[in-house]
Protein backbone atom coordinates (compact mmCIF):
# COMPACT_ATOMS: atom_id res chain seq x y z
CA MET A 1 68.29 81.52 16.30
CA LEU A 2 66.05 83.86 14.33
CA GLU A 3 65.98 87.58 14.94
CA VAL A 4 63.10 89.79 13.82
CA LYS A 5 63.58 93.56 13.56
CA PHE A 6 61.27 96.38 12.49
CA TYR A 7 61.99 99.48 10.40
CA ASP A 8 59.91 102.45 9.32
CA THR A 9 61.27 102.08 5.81
CA VAL A 10 64.11 100.55 3.78
CA ASP A 11 65.08 100.77 0.13
CA ASP A 12 62.29 99.20 -1.94
CA SER A 13 64.73 96.88 -3.74
CA LEU A 14 65.42 95.09 -0.43
CA LEU A 15 61.79 94.07 0.07
CA LYS A 16 61.48 90.41 -0.92
CA PHE A 17 58.32 89.32 0.95
CA ALA A 18 54.92 90.60 1.94
CA VAL A 19 52.98 89.32 4.96
CA ILE A 20 49.39 90.39 5.51
CA ILE A 21 47.76 90.28 8.92
CA SER A 22 44.06 90.05 8.10
CA GLN A 23 40.69 90.32 9.74
CA SER A 24 37.13 89.91 8.54
CA ASN A 25 34.12 90.96 10.60
CA GLY A 26 36.29 91.24 13.70
CA LYS A 27 37.80 87.76 13.30
CA TRP A 28 41.42 86.89 12.49
CA VAL A 29 41.99 85.32 9.08
CA PHE A 30 44.61 82.56 8.90
CA CYS A 31 45.52 79.96 6.29
CA LYS A 32 46.35 76.28 6.58
CA HIS A 33 48.79 74.93 3.97
CA LYS A 34 48.04 71.65 2.20
CA GLU A 35 51.31 70.14 3.45
CA ARG A 36 51.27 71.43 7.03
CA ASP A 37 48.99 71.24 10.03
CA THR A 38 49.88 74.72 11.27
CA TYR A 39 48.51 78.20 10.68
CA GLU A 40 50.07 81.08 8.82
CA ALA A 41 49.25 84.63 7.87
CA PRO A 42 48.83 85.09 4.12
CA GLY A 43 52.01 86.21 2.40
CA GLY A 44 54.77 85.31 0.03
CA HIS A 45 57.59 86.24 -2.30
CA ARG A 46 57.68 89.28 -4.52
CA GLU A 47 57.76 88.46 -8.22
CA VAL A 48 60.14 90.17 -10.66
CA GLY A 49 58.94 93.65 -11.60
CA GLU A 50 56.09 93.57 -9.07
CA ASP A 51 55.36 96.49 -6.75
CA ILE A 52 55.57 95.20 -3.16
CA LEU A 53 52.00 96.28 -2.38
CA GLU A 54 50.88 94.38 -5.49
CA THR A 55 52.66 91.33 -4.02
CA ALA A 56 50.66 91.76 -0.83
CA LYS A 57 47.35 92.05 -2.73
CA ARG A 58 48.12 89.07 -4.98
CA GLU A 59 49.17 86.84 -2.08
CA LEU A 60 46.12 87.86 -0.05
CA GLN A 61 43.81 87.00 -2.96
CA GLU A 62 45.57 83.72 -3.79
CA GLU A 63 45.84 82.45 -0.24
CA THR A 64 42.52 83.56 1.27
CA GLY A 65 40.23 83.95 -1.73
CA ALA A 66 39.60 87.58 -0.70
CA ILE A 67 37.94 89.59 -3.47
CA GLN A 68 36.93 92.74 -1.57
CA PHE A 69 39.41 94.19 0.92
CA ASP A 70 41.22 97.29 2.18
CA ILE A 71 44.95 96.75 2.56
CA ASN A 72 47.54 99.09 4.12
CA PRO A 73 51.26 98.82 4.80
CA ILE A 74 52.17 98.80 8.51
CA CYS A 75 55.97 98.69 8.54
CA VAL A 76 59.02 96.89 7.20
CA TYR A 77 60.35 93.86 9.04
CA SER A 78 63.48 91.79 8.64
CA VAL A 79 64.43 88.26 9.62
CA THR A 80 68.02 87.24 10.22
CA GLY A 81 68.91 83.56 10.66
CA LYS A 82 68.54 80.35 8.67
CA ASN A 83 65.02 79.02 8.11
CA SER A 84 63.05 77.14 5.47
CA VAL A 85 62.91 80.16 3.14
CA ASN A 86 66.39 81.54 3.89
CA GLU A 87 69.32 79.18 3.30
CA THR A 88 72.05 81.75 3.96
CA GLY A 89 70.70 83.21 7.19
CA GLU A 90 71.44 86.77 6.10
CA GLU A 91 68.98 89.56 6.87
CA THR A 92 65.96 89.50 4.53
CA PHE A 93 63.33 92.21 4.39
CA GLY A 94 59.57 92.14 3.98
CA LEU A 95 56.59 94.47 4.10
CA LEU A 96 54.06 93.88 6.85
CA CYS A 97 50.50 94.88 5.89
CA PHE A 98 47.07 94.79 7.44
CA ALA A 99 43.94 93.91 5.46
CA GLU A 100 40.27 94.13 6.33
CA ILE A 101 38.51 91.58 4.13
CA THR A 102 34.84 92.23 3.35
CA GLU A 103 34.23 89.48 0.78
CA PHE A 104 35.68 86.07 -0.07
CA ALA A 105 35.31 84.21 -3.36
CA GLY A 106 34.83 80.98 -1.43
CA LYS A 107 37.24 79.09 -3.67
CA LEU A 108 41.00 78.79 -3.13
CA GLU A 109 43.40 78.69 -6.04
CA SER A 110 46.64 78.14 -4.16
CA GLU A 111 48.72 75.87 -1.99
CA MET A 112 46.37 76.58 0.92
CA LYS A 113 44.03 73.84 2.08
CA LYS A 114 41.67 76.14 3.92
CA VAL A 115 41.13 79.55 5.41
CA GLU A 116 39.84 79.89 8.94
CA LEU A 117 38.23 82.85 10.67
CA MET A 118 39.10 82.84 14.38
CA ASP A 119 38.15 84.79 17.47
CA GLU A 120 41.51 84.07 19.10
CA LEU A 121 45.01 83.91 17.67
CA PRO A 122 46.09 80.32 16.93
CA GLN A 123 48.82 78.66 19.01
CA ASN A 124 50.30 76.39 16.35
CA TRP A 125 52.09 78.66 13.88
CA THR A 126 54.02 77.56 10.79
CA TYR A 127 56.76 80.10 11.61
CA PRO A 128 56.26 80.65 15.36
CA LEU A 129 59.34 82.79 15.96
CA ILE A 130 58.47 85.15 13.13
CA GLN A 131 54.67 85.27 13.05
CA SER A 132 54.20 85.90 16.75
CA LYS A 133 56.50 88.96 16.50
CA LEU A 134 54.68 90.31 13.43
CA ILE A 135 51.30 89.99 15.15
CA GLU A 136 52.71 91.58 18.31
CA LYS A 137 54.00 94.53 16.26
CA TYR A 138 50.65 94.94 14.51
CA LEU A 139 48.79 94.93 17.84
CA GLN A 140 51.24 97.45 19.30
CA ILE A 141 50.81 99.82 16.32
CA GLU A 142 47.04 99.31 16.31
CA THR A 143 46.90 100.21 20.03
CA GLN A 144 49.05 103.30 19.46
CA SER A 145 46.93 104.55 16.57
CA TYR A 146 43.77 103.88 18.60
CA SER A 147 45.27 105.95 21.45
CA GLN A 148 46.09 108.75 19.01
CA ILE A 149 42.52 108.73 17.69
CA GLN A 150 41.28 108.89 21.31
CA LEU A 151 43.57 111.84 22.04
CA ALA A 152 42.49 113.64 18.88
CA ALA A 153 38.85 113.18 19.85
CA LYS A 154 39.32 114.92 23.23
């Protein structure tokens, strides 16, 4: 059983992953891995000495071919429980980001087979228990900040 939790912040040294929820021209951006027939948000492991936001930018570029984008951290998330990237099952932490992509290179240099722009969220996730929660959190935060903008405008 996997458990996903959210935090405003944790010590930077704990952040091992970055996941980037992305959109382009109002469409969701998802990747399809060469070895899987499911969809995933761009993301991956932090490399030694890399700033976690640099990880997010690098993974976004590698996995989607994005060359022009605005990227912002949303929150920290953690996953507890054994899965394909966590043998021990102990709590691991990642940074959840949002990116608005304005230009793609059109060529992928990664393990991704293709990038798809979608009007609706896909149903067949690579990591369904994790990705659905991350998207949910993003939508919740997005709705809250939209409400705050509305209130400020009154």
